[in-house]
Amino acid sequence: MAGKRGNGLVAVYGSVAPDFEDEYNNWYNTHHIPPRMQVPGFLAAVRYRLAAQSTGNAPRYLTFYELEETGVLKHPVLQHMTENPTDWDKRVAPHINVEGQLIYKRVAAVGNPGELHAPVVFTVRLDVAPEADEEFNRWYDTDHLPALGGVPGVQSARRYALRFPKGGSQYLTVYELERDDVRATDAWRKAADSPWTRKMQPNLRNIKLDQGRCIFQL
């Protein structure tokens, strides 16, 4: 399963009380994720610990569930698990602060993702001024995503549009990176600074940037 990418994605950003972190990670890796990977249409799961340099009061953890399509989330087995938490689920839940549990559909991709998810991920969540949405999508798919996806050290880049819930970040971009320092290179800075990019920047809203290292995948 590990390393597969799909057309749907669940992105969960969250934090946990520091004194409960060890149990939280044990629960997530051994109890929460494995049964979900038995649901038809779930392709892979990967968890990241986010870096201190992420923007603002960033969450501590990020989990991706790779899906064949977003419709698999309606599978009755998954709904049964959600509606019938175990005793361990109930014990852990009060210690978790979920910033966002967002469901996305893939709209564009560049690069050659590896057999496993990359050791480092950088994600961009944002909203767009409604009047600029059409140009935003053309800019991102034909200028911005290919430029950054071609930077040495970037394995792949994928872009997603929100499906649920209403009010979540409208768009998500996922960059899989070989190293922590890729975004500090001259090549990244040059790729991120095209004339079209500068034109579009005033139309971007509620930007959230997060980078983290992989700690588990299945």
N, C-alpha and C. Protein backbone atom coordinates (compact mmCIF):
# COMPACT_ATOMS: atom_id res chain seq x y z
N MET A 1 0.81 -1.21 0.00
CA MET A 1 0.00 0.00 0.00
C MET A 1 0.85 1.27 0.00
N ALA A 2 1.90 1.28 0.83
CA ALA A 2 2.67 2.51 1.02
C ALA A 2 3.13 3.08 -0.31
N GLY A 3 3.01 4.38 -0.45
CA GLY A 3 3.50 5.07 -1.63
C GLY A 3 2.48 5.28 -2.72
N LYS A 4 1.35 4.59 -2.68
CA LYS A 4 0.36 4.78 -3.73
C LYS A 4 -0.29 6.16 -3.60
N ARG A 5 -0.59 6.77 -4.74
CA ARG A 5 -1.30 8.05 -4.76
C ARG A 5 -2.60 7.87 -5.52
N GLY A 6 -3.62 8.61 -5.12
CA GLY A 6 -4.92 8.46 -5.74
C GLY A 6 -5.48 9.78 -6.22
N ASN A 7 -6.69 9.72 -6.72
CA ASN A 7 -7.38 10.93 -7.17
C ASN A 7 -8.05 11.68 -6.02
N GLY A 8 -8.22 11.00 -4.88
CA GLY A 8 -8.79 11.64 -3.71
C GLY A 8 -7.78 11.68 -2.58
N LEU A 9 -7.97 12.62 -1.67
CA LEU A 9 -7.04 12.78 -0.55
C LEU A 9 -7.80 13.29 0.66
N VAL A 10 -7.55 12.67 1.81
CA VAL A 10 -7.99 13.23 3.09
C VAL A 10 -6.74 13.77 3.77
N ALA A 11 -6.75 15.04 4.13
CA ALA A 11 -5.63 15.68 4.82
C ALA A 11 -6.09 16.08 6.21
N VAL A 12 -5.43 15.54 7.23
CA VAL A 12 -5.80 15.80 8.62
C VAL A 12 -4.64 16.54 9.29
N TYR A 13 -4.88 17.79 9.67
CA TYR A 13 -3.90 18.59 10.40
C TYR A 13 -4.32 18.64 11.87
N GLY A 14 -3.41 18.27 12.77
CA GLY A 14 -3.81 18.26 14.18
C GLY A 14 -2.63 18.28 15.13
N SER A 15 -2.95 18.52 16.38
CA SER A 15 -1.96 18.54 17.45
C SER A 15 -2.47 17.68 18.60
N VAL A 16 -1.59 17.39 19.54
CA VAL A 16 -1.94 16.58 20.69
C VAL A 16 -1.21 17.13 21.91
N ALA A 17 -1.79 16.94 23.07
CA ALA A 17 -1.16 17.39 24.31
C ALA A 17 0.22 16.75 24.43
N PRO A 18 1.27 17.54 24.76
CA PRO A 18 2.64 17.01 24.78
C PRO A 18 2.81 15.78 25.67
N ASP A 19 2.13 15.72 26.81
CA ASP A 19 2.30 14.60 27.71
C ASP A 19 1.55 13.35 27.24
N PHE A 20 0.84 13.46 26.11
CA PHE A 20 0.10 12.33 25.57
C PHE A 20 0.63 11.91 24.20
N GLU A 21 1.75 12.50 23.79
CA GLU A 21 2.23 12.34 22.42
C GLU A 21 2.62 10.89 22.10
N ASP A 22 3.31 10.23 23.03
CA ASP A 22 3.75 8.86 22.76
C ASP A 22 2.56 7.93 22.54
N GLU A 23 1.57 8.03 23.41
CA GLU A 23 0.40 7.16 23.25
C GLU A 23 -0.37 7.52 21.98
N TYR A 24 -0.45 8.80 21.69
CA TYR A 24 -1.13 9.25 20.47
C TYR A 24 -0.51 8.63 19.23
N ASN A 25 0.81 8.67 19.13
CA ASN A 25 1.48 8.11 17.96
C ASN A 25 1.33 6.60 17.90
N ASN A 26 1.41 5.94 19.04
CA ASN A 26 1.21 4.49 19.07
C ASN A 26 -0.21 4.13 18.63
N TRP A 27 -1.19 4.87 19.15
CA TRP A 27 -2.59 4.65 18.76
C TRP A 27 -2.80 4.88 17.27
N TYR A 28 -2.24 5.97 16.75
CA TYR A 28 -2.45 6.32 15.34
C TYR A 28 -1.87 5.24 14.42
N ASN A 29 -0.62 4.84 14.74
CA ASN A 29 0.09 3.94 13.83
C ASN A 29 -0.40 2.50 13.92
N THR A 30 -0.81 2.05 15.09
CA THR A 30 -1.12 0.63 15.27
C THR A 30 -2.61 0.34 15.36
N HIS A 31 -3.41 1.34 15.68
CA HIS A 31 -4.83 1.09 15.95
C HIS A 31 -5.76 1.85 15.01
N HIS A 32 -5.43 3.10 14.71
CA HIS A 32 -6.34 3.93 13.92
C HIS A 32 -6.18 3.70 12.41
N ILE A 33 -4.95 3.70 11.92
CA ILE A 33 -4.72 3.60 10.48
C ILE A 33 -4.95 2.20 9.92
N PRO A 34 -4.40 1.12 10.51
CA PRO A 34 -4.47 -0.19 9.84
C PRO A 34 -5.87 -0.64 9.43
N PRO A 35 -6.91 -0.52 10.26
CA PRO A 35 -8.22 -0.99 9.78
C PRO A 35 -8.77 -0.15 8.63
N ARG A 36 -8.41 1.12 8.58
CA ARG A 36 -8.86 1.96 7.47
C ARG A 36 -8.22 1.54 6.16
N MET A 37 -7.03 1.00 6.22
CA MET A 37 -6.37 0.53 5.00
C MET A 37 -7.00 -0.75 4.46
N GLN A 38 -7.92 -1.36 5.22
CA GLN A 38 -8.64 -2.52 4.74
C GLN A 38 -9.92 -2.13 4.00
N VAL A 39 -10.28 -0.86 4.04
CA VAL A 39 -11.48 -0.40 3.35
C VAL A 39 -11.19 -0.29 1.86
N PRO A 40 -11.99 -0.91 1.00
CA PRO A 40 -11.73 -0.81 -0.45
C PRO A 40 -11.67 0.64 -0.91
N GLY A 41 -10.63 0.94 -1.68
CA GLY A 41 -10.46 2.30 -2.18
C GLY A 41 -9.47 3.13 -1.39
N PHE A 42 -9.08 2.68 -0.20
CA PHE A 42 -8.00 3.33 0.55
C PHE A 42 -6.68 2.76 0.03
N LEU A 43 -5.82 3.63 -0.48
CA LEU A 43 -4.60 3.18 -1.15
C LEU A 43 -3.37 3.23 -0.25
N ALA A 44 -3.26 4.24 0.58
CA ALA A 44 -2.08 4.41 1.43
C ALA A 44 -2.39 5.43 2.50
N ALA A 45 -1.57 5.40 3.55
CA ALA A 45 -1.63 6.43 4.60
C ALA A 45 -0.20 6.83 4.94
N VAL A 46 -0.01 8.10 5.21
CA VAL A 46 1.32 8.60 5.55
C VAL A 46 1.17 9.72 6.57
N ARG A 47 2.06 9.72 7.56
CA ARG A 47 2.02 10.73 8.63
C ARG A 47 3.32 11.51 8.65
N TYR A 48 3.19 12.81 8.96
CA TYR A 48 4.33 13.71 9.04
C TYR A 48 4.30 14.46 10.37
N ARG A 49 5.49 14.70 10.92
CA ARG A 49 5.64 15.62 12.04
C ARG A 49 6.07 16.96 11.46
N LEU A 50 5.28 17.99 11.68
CA LEU A 50 5.52 19.27 11.05
C LEU A 50 6.63 20.03 11.74
N ALA A 51 7.35 20.83 10.95
CA ALA A 51 8.52 21.53 11.44
C ALA A 51 8.15 22.82 12.15
N ALA A 52 9.05 23.28 12.99
CA ALA A 52 8.80 24.50 13.75
C ALA A 52 8.69 25.72 12.85
N GLN A 53 9.29 25.67 11.65
CA GLN A 53 9.27 26.84 10.78
C GLN A 53 7.99 26.95 9.97
N SER A 54 7.02 26.06 10.20
CA SER A 54 5.73 26.21 9.54
C SER A 54 5.09 27.50 10.00
N THR A 55 4.18 28.03 9.22
CA THR A 55 3.65 29.36 9.47
C THR A 55 2.70 29.39 10.65
N GLY A 56 2.75 30.48 11.40
CA GLY A 56 1.77 30.75 12.45
C GLY A 56 1.79 29.71 13.55
N ASN A 57 0.64 29.54 14.19
CA ASN A 57 0.47 28.55 15.24
C ASN A 57 0.12 27.22 14.58
N ALA A 58 1.12 26.60 13.96
CA ALA A 58 0.89 25.45 13.09
C ALA A 58 0.56 24.21 13.90
N PRO A 59 -0.22 23.29 13.32
CA PRO A 59 -0.44 22.00 13.95
C PRO A 59 0.86 21.21 13.99
N ARG A 60 0.89 20.21 14.85
CA ARG A 60 2.10 19.42 15.06
C ARG A 60 2.20 18.25 14.07
N TYR A 61 1.07 17.74 13.61
CA TYR A 61 1.06 16.54 12.78
C TYR A 61 0.17 16.72 11.55
N LEU A 62 0.53 15.97 10.51
CA LEU A 62 -0.26 15.92 9.28
C LEU A 62 -0.37 14.46 8.86
N THR A 63 -1.60 14.04 8.55
CA THR A 63 -1.83 12.69 8.03
C THR A 63 -2.53 12.79 6.68
N PHE A 64 -2.03 12.02 5.71
CA PHE A 64 -2.69 11.89 4.42
C PHE A 64 -3.24 10.49 4.27
N TYR A 65 -4.49 10.40 3.83
CA TYR A 65 -5.06 9.14 3.36
C TYR A 65 -5.25 9.28 1.85
N GLU A 66 -4.54 8.44 1.10
CA GLU A 66 -4.65 8.44 -0.35
C GLU A 66 -5.83 7.54 -0.76
N LEU A 67 -6.73 8.08 -1.57
CA LEU A 67 -7.95 7.38 -1.96
C LEU A 67 -8.03 7.22 -3.47
N GLU A 68 -8.63 6.11 -3.92
CA GLU A 68 -8.89 5.98 -5.36
C GLU A 68 -9.76 7.15 -5.83
N GLU A 69 -10.84 7.38 -5.12
CA GLU A 69 -11.74 8.50 -5.37
C GLU A 69 -12.35 8.91 -4.03
N THR A 70 -12.84 10.12 -3.93
CA THR A 70 -13.40 10.57 -2.66
C THR A 70 -14.65 9.80 -2.26
N GLY A 71 -15.32 9.18 -3.22
CA GLY A 71 -16.53 8.44 -2.93
C GLY A 71 -16.33 7.25 -2.00
N VAL A 72 -15.09 6.76 -1.86
CA VAL A 72 -14.86 5.60 -1.00
C VAL A 72 -15.12 5.94 0.47
N LEU A 73 -15.17 7.22 0.80
CA LEU A 73 -15.43 7.62 2.18
C LEU A 73 -16.86 7.29 2.62
N LYS A 74 -17.72 6.94 1.67
CA LYS A 74 -19.09 6.55 2.00
C LYS A 74 -19.23 5.04 2.23
N HIS A 75 -18.11 4.32 2.18
CA HIS A 75 -18.17 2.88 2.35
C HIS A 75 -18.74 2.53 3.73
N PRO A 76 -19.67 1.59 3.82
CA PRO A 76 -20.30 1.28 5.10
C PRO A 76 -19.34 0.79 6.18
N VAL A 77 -18.25 0.13 5.79
CA VAL A 77 -17.27 -0.32 6.79
C VAL A 77 -16.63 0.88 7.48
N LEU A 78 -16.27 1.90 6.69
CA LEU A 78 -15.68 3.10 7.27
C LEU A 78 -16.68 3.83 8.15
N GLN A 79 -17.90 3.93 7.70
CA GLN A 79 -18.93 4.60 8.48
C GLN A 79 -19.18 3.88 9.79
N HIS A 80 -19.12 2.56 9.78
CA HIS A 80 -19.30 1.79 11.01
C HIS A 80 -18.17 2.09 12.00
N MET A 81 -16.91 2.15 11.52
CA MET A 81 -15.79 2.46 12.40
C MET A 81 -15.94 3.85 13.00
N THR A 82 -16.37 4.80 12.18
CA THR A 82 -16.52 6.17 12.64
C THR A 82 -17.61 6.28 13.70
N GLU A 83 -18.69 5.54 13.52
CA GLU A 83 -19.83 5.63 14.44
C GLU A 83 -19.68 4.76 15.68
N ASN A 84 -18.67 3.87 15.69
CA ASN A 84 -18.49 2.96 16.82
C ASN A 84 -17.04 2.99 17.30
N PRO A 85 -16.62 4.08 17.91
CA PRO A 85 -15.23 4.18 18.38
C PRO A 85 -14.92 3.14 19.45
N THR A 86 -13.67 2.68 19.45
CA THR A 86 -13.22 1.73 20.46
C THR A 86 -12.91 2.47 21.76
N ASP A 87 -12.64 1.70 22.80
CA ASP A 87 -12.27 2.31 24.09
C ASP A 87 -10.99 3.14 23.95
N TRP A 88 -10.05 2.64 23.14
CA TRP A 88 -8.80 3.38 22.95
C TRP A 88 -9.07 4.68 22.19
N ASP A 89 -9.94 4.62 21.18
CA ASP A 89 -10.33 5.83 20.46
C ASP A 89 -10.88 6.87 21.43
N LYS A 90 -11.76 6.42 22.32
CA LYS A 90 -12.40 7.35 23.26
C LYS A 90 -11.40 7.94 24.24
N ARG A 91 -10.39 7.17 24.62
CA ARG A 91 -9.39 7.67 25.56
C ARG A 91 -8.48 8.72 24.92
N VAL A 92 -8.16 8.53 23.64
CA VAL A 92 -7.24 9.44 22.96
C VAL A 92 -7.94 10.73 22.51
N ALA A 93 -9.20 10.62 22.09
CA ALA A 93 -9.90 11.74 21.45
C ALA A 93 -9.84 13.05 22.23
N PRO A 94 -10.01 13.07 23.56
CA PRO A 94 -10.00 14.37 24.27
C PRO A 94 -8.66 15.09 24.22
N HIS A 95 -7.60 14.38 23.87
CA HIS A 95 -6.26 14.98 23.87
C HIS A 95 -5.87 15.53 22.50
N ILE A 96 -6.71 15.33 21.49
CA ILE A 96 -6.38 15.73 20.12
C ILE A 96 -7.09 17.02 19.77
N ASN A 97 -6.36 17.92 19.12
CA ASN A 97 -6.95 19.14 18.57
C ASN A 97 -6.80 19.08 17.04
N VAL A 98 -7.90 18.81 16.35
CA VAL A 98 -7.88 18.70 14.89
C VAL A 98 -8.15 20.07 14.30
N GLU A 99 -7.14 20.64 13.62
CA GLU A 99 -7.31 21.94 12.97
C GLU A 99 -8.15 21.81 11.72
N GLY A 100 -7.95 20.71 11.00
CA GLY A 100 -8.70 20.51 9.76
C GLY A 100 -8.70 19.06 9.35
N GLN A 101 -9.84 18.56 8.91
CA GLN A 101 -9.95 17.24 8.30
C GLN A 101 -10.63 17.46 6.97
N LEU A 102 -9.81 17.56 5.93
CA LEU A 102 -10.23 18.12 4.66
C LEU A 102 -10.20 17.05 3.57
N ILE A 103 -11.22 17.03 2.75
CA ILE A 103 -11.35 16.06 1.67
C ILE A 103 -11.14 16.78 0.34
N TYR A 104 -10.20 16.28 -0.45
CA TYR A 104 -9.81 16.94 -1.70
C TYR A 104 -9.86 15.99 -2.88
N LYS A 105 -10.04 16.59 -4.06
CA LYS A 105 -9.94 15.86 -5.34
C LYS A 105 -8.75 16.42 -6.11
N ARG A 106 -7.93 15.52 -6.66
CA ARG A 106 -6.74 15.96 -7.40
C ARG A 106 -7.13 16.60 -8.72
N VAL A 107 -6.49 17.74 -9.03
CA VAL A 107 -6.79 18.44 -10.27
C VAL A 107 -5.56 18.57 -11.18
N ALA A 108 -4.35 18.37 -10.64
CA ALA A 108 -3.14 18.48 -11.46
C ALA A 108 -1.99 17.80 -10.74
N ALA A 109 -1.00 17.34 -11.52
CA ALA A 109 0.17 16.70 -10.94
C ALA A 109 1.33 16.79 -11.91
N VAL A 110 2.55 16.92 -11.36
CA VAL A 110 3.77 16.90 -12.15
C VAL A 110 4.82 16.09 -11.40
N GLY A 111 5.82 15.62 -12.12
CA GLY A 111 6.91 14.89 -11.49
C GLY A 111 6.67 13.40 -11.46
N ASN A 112 7.61 12.69 -10.82
CA ASN A 112 7.59 11.24 -10.75
C ASN A 112 7.66 10.79 -9.30
N PRO A 113 6.51 10.60 -8.65
CA PRO A 113 6.54 10.20 -7.25
C PRO A 113 7.22 8.84 -7.08
N GLY A 114 7.92 8.68 -5.97
CA GLY A 114 8.64 7.44 -5.71
C GLY A 114 7.72 6.32 -5.27
N GLU A 115 8.31 5.14 -5.08
CA GLU A 115 7.54 3.99 -4.61
C GLU A 115 6.99 4.24 -3.22
N LEU A 116 7.70 5.02 -2.43
CA LEU A 116 7.23 5.46 -1.12
C LEU A 116 7.03 6.97 -1.15
N HIS A 117 6.20 7.48 -0.26
CA HIS A 117 6.10 8.93 -0.13
C HIS A 117 7.46 9.48 0.30
N ALA A 118 7.76 10.68 -0.15
CA ALA A 118 9.07 11.28 0.09
C ALA A 118 9.29 11.51 1.58
N PRO A 119 10.55 11.63 2.00
CA PRO A 119 10.84 11.84 3.42
C PRO A 119 10.39 13.19 3.95
N VAL A 120 10.20 14.16 3.05
CA VAL A 120 9.79 15.52 3.46
C VAL A 120 8.61 15.95 2.60
N VAL A 121 7.65 16.62 3.21
CA VAL A 121 6.51 17.16 2.49
C VAL A 121 6.38 18.64 2.80
N PHE A 122 5.97 19.40 1.79
CA PHE A 122 5.64 20.82 1.97
C PHE A 122 4.25 21.00 1.41
N THR A 123 3.35 21.56 2.21
CA THR A 123 1.97 21.76 1.75
C THR A 123 1.61 23.24 1.79
N VAL A 124 0.79 23.63 0.84
CA VAL A 124 0.28 25.00 0.74
C VAL A 124 -1.24 24.92 0.71
N ARG A 125 -1.89 25.54 1.69
CA ARG A 125 -3.35 25.65 1.72
C ARG A 125 -3.70 27.11 1.52
N LEU A 126 -4.69 27.36 0.69
CA LEU A 126 -5.06 28.76 0.45
C LEU A 126 -6.45 28.87 -0.15
N ASP A 127 -6.98 30.08 -0.10
CA ASP A 127 -8.21 30.46 -0.78
C ASP A 127 -7.88 31.48 -1.85
N VAL A 128 -8.80 31.69 -2.77
CA VAL A 128 -8.58 32.60 -3.89
C VAL A 128 -9.76 33.55 -4.01
N ALA A 129 -9.47 34.80 -4.33
CA ALA A 129 -10.54 35.76 -4.60
C ALA A 129 -11.41 35.21 -5.72
N PRO A 130 -12.73 35.19 -5.56
CA PRO A 130 -13.61 34.56 -6.55
C PRO A 130 -13.42 35.06 -7.97
N GLU A 131 -13.19 36.36 -8.12
CA GLU A 131 -13.06 36.92 -9.46
C GLU A 131 -11.76 36.49 -10.15
N ALA A 132 -10.81 35.93 -9.36
CA ALA A 132 -9.53 35.52 -9.94
C ALA A 132 -9.40 34.01 -10.08
N ASP A 133 -10.46 33.27 -9.75
CA ASP A 133 -10.35 31.82 -9.66
C ASP A 133 -9.95 31.18 -10.99
N GLU A 134 -10.55 31.61 -12.09
CA GLU A 134 -10.25 31.00 -13.38
C GLU A 134 -8.78 31.21 -13.75
N GLU A 135 -8.28 32.42 -13.60
CA GLU A 135 -6.89 32.68 -13.93
C GLU A 135 -5.96 31.97 -12.94
N PHE A 136 -6.36 31.92 -11.67
CA PHE A 136 -5.56 31.22 -10.67
C PHE A 136 -5.28 29.79 -11.10
N ASN A 137 -6.31 29.09 -11.55
CA ASN A 137 -6.13 27.70 -11.94
C ASN A 137 -5.24 27.57 -13.17
N ARG A 138 -5.38 28.48 -14.12
CA ARG A 138 -4.50 28.44 -15.30
C ARG A 138 -3.05 28.72 -14.90
N TRP A 139 -2.86 29.71 -14.04
CA TRP A 139 -1.52 30.06 -13.58
C TRP A 139 -0.87 28.90 -12.83
N TYR A 140 -1.61 28.31 -11.90
CA TYR A 140 -1.02 27.25 -11.08
C TYR A 140 -0.67 26.03 -11.94
N ASP A 141 -1.56 25.65 -12.86
CA ASP A 141 -1.36 24.42 -13.60
C ASP A 141 -0.34 24.55 -14.73
N THR A 142 -0.19 25.75 -15.29
CA THR A 142 0.70 25.91 -16.45
C THR A 142 1.99 26.64 -16.14
N ASP A 143 2.05 27.35 -15.00
CA ASP A 143 3.23 28.15 -14.68
C ASP A 143 3.84 27.73 -13.34
N HIS A 144 3.06 27.83 -12.28
CA HIS A 144 3.60 27.69 -10.93
C HIS A 144 3.94 26.24 -10.58
N LEU A 145 3.00 25.33 -10.77
CA LEU A 145 3.24 23.93 -10.42
C LEU A 145 4.36 23.31 -11.24
N PRO A 146 4.40 23.48 -12.57
CA PRO A 146 5.52 22.91 -13.33
C PRO A 146 6.86 23.50 -12.94
N ALA A 147 6.90 24.81 -12.64
CA ALA A 147 8.17 25.44 -12.27
C ALA A 147 8.72 24.86 -10.97
N LEU A 148 7.89 24.81 -9.94
CA LEU A 148 8.36 24.29 -8.65
C LEU A 148 8.55 22.78 -8.71
N GLY A 149 7.71 22.09 -9.48
CA GLY A 149 7.87 20.65 -9.61
C GLY A 149 9.16 20.25 -10.31
N GLY A 150 9.75 21.18 -11.06
CA GLY A 150 11.00 20.90 -11.76
C GLY A 150 12.25 21.28 -10.99
N VAL A 151 12.11 21.80 -9.79
CA VAL A 151 13.27 22.18 -8.98
C VAL A 151 14.01 20.92 -8.51
N PRO A 152 15.33 20.88 -8.61
CA PRO A 152 16.07 19.72 -8.10
C PRO A 152 15.73 19.46 -6.62
N GLY A 153 15.44 18.22 -6.32
CA GLY A 153 15.05 17.85 -4.96
C GLY A 153 13.55 17.71 -4.77
N VAL A 154 12.76 18.16 -5.76
CA VAL A 154 11.31 17.97 -5.71
C VAL A 154 10.98 16.70 -6.48
N GLN A 155 10.45 15.70 -5.77
CA GLN A 155 10.11 14.45 -6.45
C GLN A 155 8.82 14.58 -7.25
N SER A 156 7.84 15.24 -6.67
CA SER A 156 6.57 15.40 -7.36
C SER A 156 5.79 16.53 -6.70
N ALA A 157 4.80 17.04 -7.43
CA ALA A 157 3.92 18.09 -6.91
C ALA A 157 2.52 17.79 -7.39
N ARG A 158 1.56 17.89 -6.46
CA ARG A 158 0.16 17.59 -6.79
C ARG A 158 -0.72 18.69 -6.23
N ARG A 159 -1.76 19.01 -6.97
CA ARG A 159 -2.67 20.07 -6.56
C ARG A 159 -4.09 19.53 -6.45
N TYR A 160 -4.80 20.02 -5.42
CA TYR A 160 -6.12 19.50 -5.10
C TYR A 160 -7.11 20.64 -4.90
N ALA A 161 -8.38 20.34 -5.18
CA ALA A 161 -9.49 21.27 -4.91
C ALA A 161 -10.38 20.66 -3.83
N LEU A 162 -10.86 21.51 -2.96
CA LEU A 162 -11.66 21.06 -1.81
C LEU A 162 -12.99 20.48 -2.25
N ARG A 163 -13.37 19.39 -1.60
CA ARG A 163 -14.69 18.80 -1.77
C ARG A 163 -15.52 18.92 -0.49
N PHE A 164 -14.88 18.84 0.67
CA PHE A 164 -15.59 18.92 1.94
C PHE A 164 -14.56 19.15 3.05
N PRO A 165 -14.88 19.88 4.12
CA PRO A 165 -16.15 20.57 4.39
C PRO A 165 -16.13 22.00 3.83
N LYS A 166 -17.29 22.58 3.70
CA LYS A 166 -17.39 23.96 3.31
C LYS A 166 -16.68 24.82 4.34
N GLY A 167 -15.89 25.77 3.88
CA GLY A 167 -15.12 26.62 4.79
C GLY A 167 -13.70 26.18 4.99
N GLY A 168 -13.35 24.96 4.53
CA GLY A 168 -11.95 24.54 4.57
C GLY A 168 -11.15 25.25 3.50
N SER A 169 -9.84 25.08 3.54
CA SER A 169 -8.99 25.72 2.54
C SER A 169 -9.41 25.27 1.15
N GLN A 170 -9.63 26.22 0.27
CA GLN A 170 -10.19 25.95 -1.06
C GLN A 170 -9.28 25.08 -1.91
N TYR A 171 -7.97 25.31 -1.79
CA TYR A 171 -7.00 24.56 -2.58
C TYR A 171 -5.86 24.08 -1.68
N LEU A 172 -5.31 22.93 -2.05
CA LEU A 172 -4.15 22.34 -1.36
C LEU A 172 -3.15 21.91 -2.42
N THR A 173 -1.88 22.24 -2.20
CA THR A 173 -0.79 21.72 -3.03
C THR A 173 0.17 20.95 -2.15
N VAL A 174 0.59 19.79 -2.63
CA VAL A 174 1.51 18.91 -1.91
C VAL A 174 2.78 18.75 -2.73
N TYR A 175 3.90 19.16 -2.14
CA TYR A 175 5.21 18.98 -2.76
C TYR A 175 5.96 17.91 -1.98
N GLU A 176 6.35 16.83 -2.65
CA GLU A 176 7.17 15.80 -2.02
C GLU A 176 8.64 16.13 -2.28
N LEU A 177 9.41 16.27 -1.21
CA LEU A 177 10.79 16.74 -1.29
C LEU A 177 11.77 15.68 -0.81
N GLU A 178 12.96 15.68 -1.43
CA GLU A 178 14.00 14.74 -1.03
C GLU A 178 14.72 15.16 0.23
N ARG A 179 14.74 16.49 0.50
CA ARG A 179 15.52 17.01 1.63
C ARG A 179 14.77 18.17 2.30
N ASP A 180 15.17 18.48 3.51
CA ASP A 180 14.55 19.59 4.23
C ASP A 180 14.86 20.95 3.62
N ASP A 181 16.01 21.07 2.93
CA ASP A 181 16.49 22.39 2.52
C ASP A 181 16.12 22.78 1.09
N VAL A 182 15.27 22.01 0.43
CA VAL A 182 14.96 22.29 -0.98
C VAL A 182 14.39 23.69 -1.15
N ARG A 183 13.52 24.12 -0.25
CA ARG A 183 12.88 25.43 -0.38
C ARG A 183 13.85 26.58 -0.10
N ALA A 184 15.03 26.28 0.44
CA ALA A 184 16.03 27.32 0.70
C ALA A 184 17.00 27.51 -0.46
N THR A 185 16.83 26.75 -1.54
CA THR A 185 17.77 26.82 -2.66
C THR A 185 17.44 27.98 -3.59
N ASP A 186 18.43 28.42 -4.33
CA ASP A 186 18.21 29.47 -5.33
C ASP A 186 17.24 29.00 -6.41
N ALA A 187 17.31 27.71 -6.76
CA ALA A 187 16.42 27.18 -7.79
C ALA A 187 14.96 27.29 -7.38
N TRP A 188 14.65 27.00 -6.12
CA TRP A 188 13.27 27.13 -5.63
C TRP A 188 12.84 28.59 -5.65
N ARG A 189 13.68 29.46 -5.14
CA ARG A 189 13.32 30.88 -5.08
C ARG A 189 13.07 31.44 -6.47
N LYS A 190 13.91 31.04 -7.44
CA LYS A 190 13.73 31.53 -8.80
C LYS A 190 12.43 30.99 -9.40
N ALA A 191 12.13 29.71 -9.18
CA ALA A 191 10.92 29.11 -9.73
C ALA A 191 9.66 29.72 -9.14
N ALA A 192 9.75 30.17 -7.90
CA ALA A 192 8.57 30.72 -7.20
C ALA A 192 8.34 32.19 -7.49
N ASP A 193 9.12 32.77 -8.39
CA ASP A 193 9.08 34.24 -8.56
C ASP A 193 8.91 34.64 -10.02
N SER A 194 7.97 34.03 -10.71
CA SER A 194 7.72 34.43 -12.09
C SER A 194 6.87 35.70 -12.14
N PRO A 195 6.85 36.42 -13.26
CA PRO A 195 5.99 37.60 -13.38
C PRO A 195 4.51 37.27 -13.15
N TRP A 196 4.06 36.11 -13.65
CA TRP A 196 2.66 35.73 -13.46
C TRP A 196 2.37 35.47 -11.98
N THR A 197 3.36 34.87 -11.30
CA THR A 197 3.19 34.64 -9.86
C THR A 197 3.01 35.96 -9.12
N ARG A 198 3.84 36.93 -9.43
CA ARG A 198 3.73 38.23 -8.75
C ARG A 198 2.37 38.88 -9.04
N LYS A 199 1.87 38.68 -10.24
CA LYS A 199 0.56 39.24 -10.60
C LYS A 199 -0.56 38.58 -9.78
N MET A 200 -0.45 37.27 -9.53
CA MET A 200 -1.52 36.54 -8.86
C MET A 200 -1.49 36.70 -7.34
N GLN A 201 -0.36 37.03 -6.76
CA GLN A 201 -0.22 37.04 -5.30
C GLN A 201 -1.27 37.88 -4.57
N PRO A 202 -1.67 39.05 -5.06
CA PRO A 202 -2.67 39.82 -4.33
C PRO A 202 -4.04 39.14 -4.24
N ASN A 203 -4.27 38.12 -5.07
CA ASN A 203 -5.56 37.42 -5.07
C ASN A 203 -5.60 36.21 -4.15
N LEU A 204 -4.49 35.89 -3.49
CA LEU A 204 -4.40 34.72 -2.64
C LEU A 204 -4.79 35.08 -1.21
N ARG A 205 -5.55 34.21 -0.55
CA ARG A 205 -6.08 34.49 0.78
C ARG A 205 -5.77 33.32 1.72
N ASN A 206 -5.63 33.66 3.00
CA ASN A 206 -5.55 32.65 4.07
C ASN A 206 -4.51 31.58 3.78
N ILE A 207 -3.32 32.02 3.42
CA ILE A 207 -2.25 31.08 3.04
C ILE A 207 -1.68 30.40 4.29
N LYS A 208 -1.58 29.07 4.22
CA LYS A 208 -0.99 28.28 5.31
C LYS A 208 0.08 27.38 4.71
N LEU A 209 1.30 27.53 5.22
CA LEU A 209 2.44 26.78 4.72
C LEU A 209 2.95 25.84 5.81
N ASP A 210 3.13 24.58 5.47
CA ASP A 210 3.60 23.61 6.46
C ASP A 210 4.59 22.65 5.82
N GLN A 211 5.69 22.40 6.53
CA GLN A 211 6.69 21.44 6.07
C GLN A 211 6.96 20.45 7.19
N GLY A 212 7.09 19.17 6.83
CA GLY A 212 7.34 18.17 7.86
C GLY A 212 8.06 16.96 7.32
N ARG A 213 8.52 16.14 8.25
CA ARG A 213 9.22 14.89 7.90
C ARG A 213 8.31 13.70 8.13
N CYS A 214 8.44 12.72 7.26
CA CYS A 214 7.64 11.51 7.35
C CYS A 214 8.02 10.71 8.60
N ILE A 215 7.02 10.29 9.37
CA ILE A 215 7.28 9.47 10.55
C ILE A 215 6.62 8.09 10.45
N PHE A 216 5.73 7.90 9.49
CA PHE A 216 5.05 6.60 9.36
C PHE A 216 4.33 6.56 8.03
N GLN A 217 4.36 5.41 7.37
CA GLN A 217 3.48 5.22 6.21
C GLN A 217 3.15 3.75 6.06
N LEU A 218 1.97 3.53 5.52
CA LEU A 218 1.44 2.18 5.37
C LEU A 218 0.69 2.09 4.04
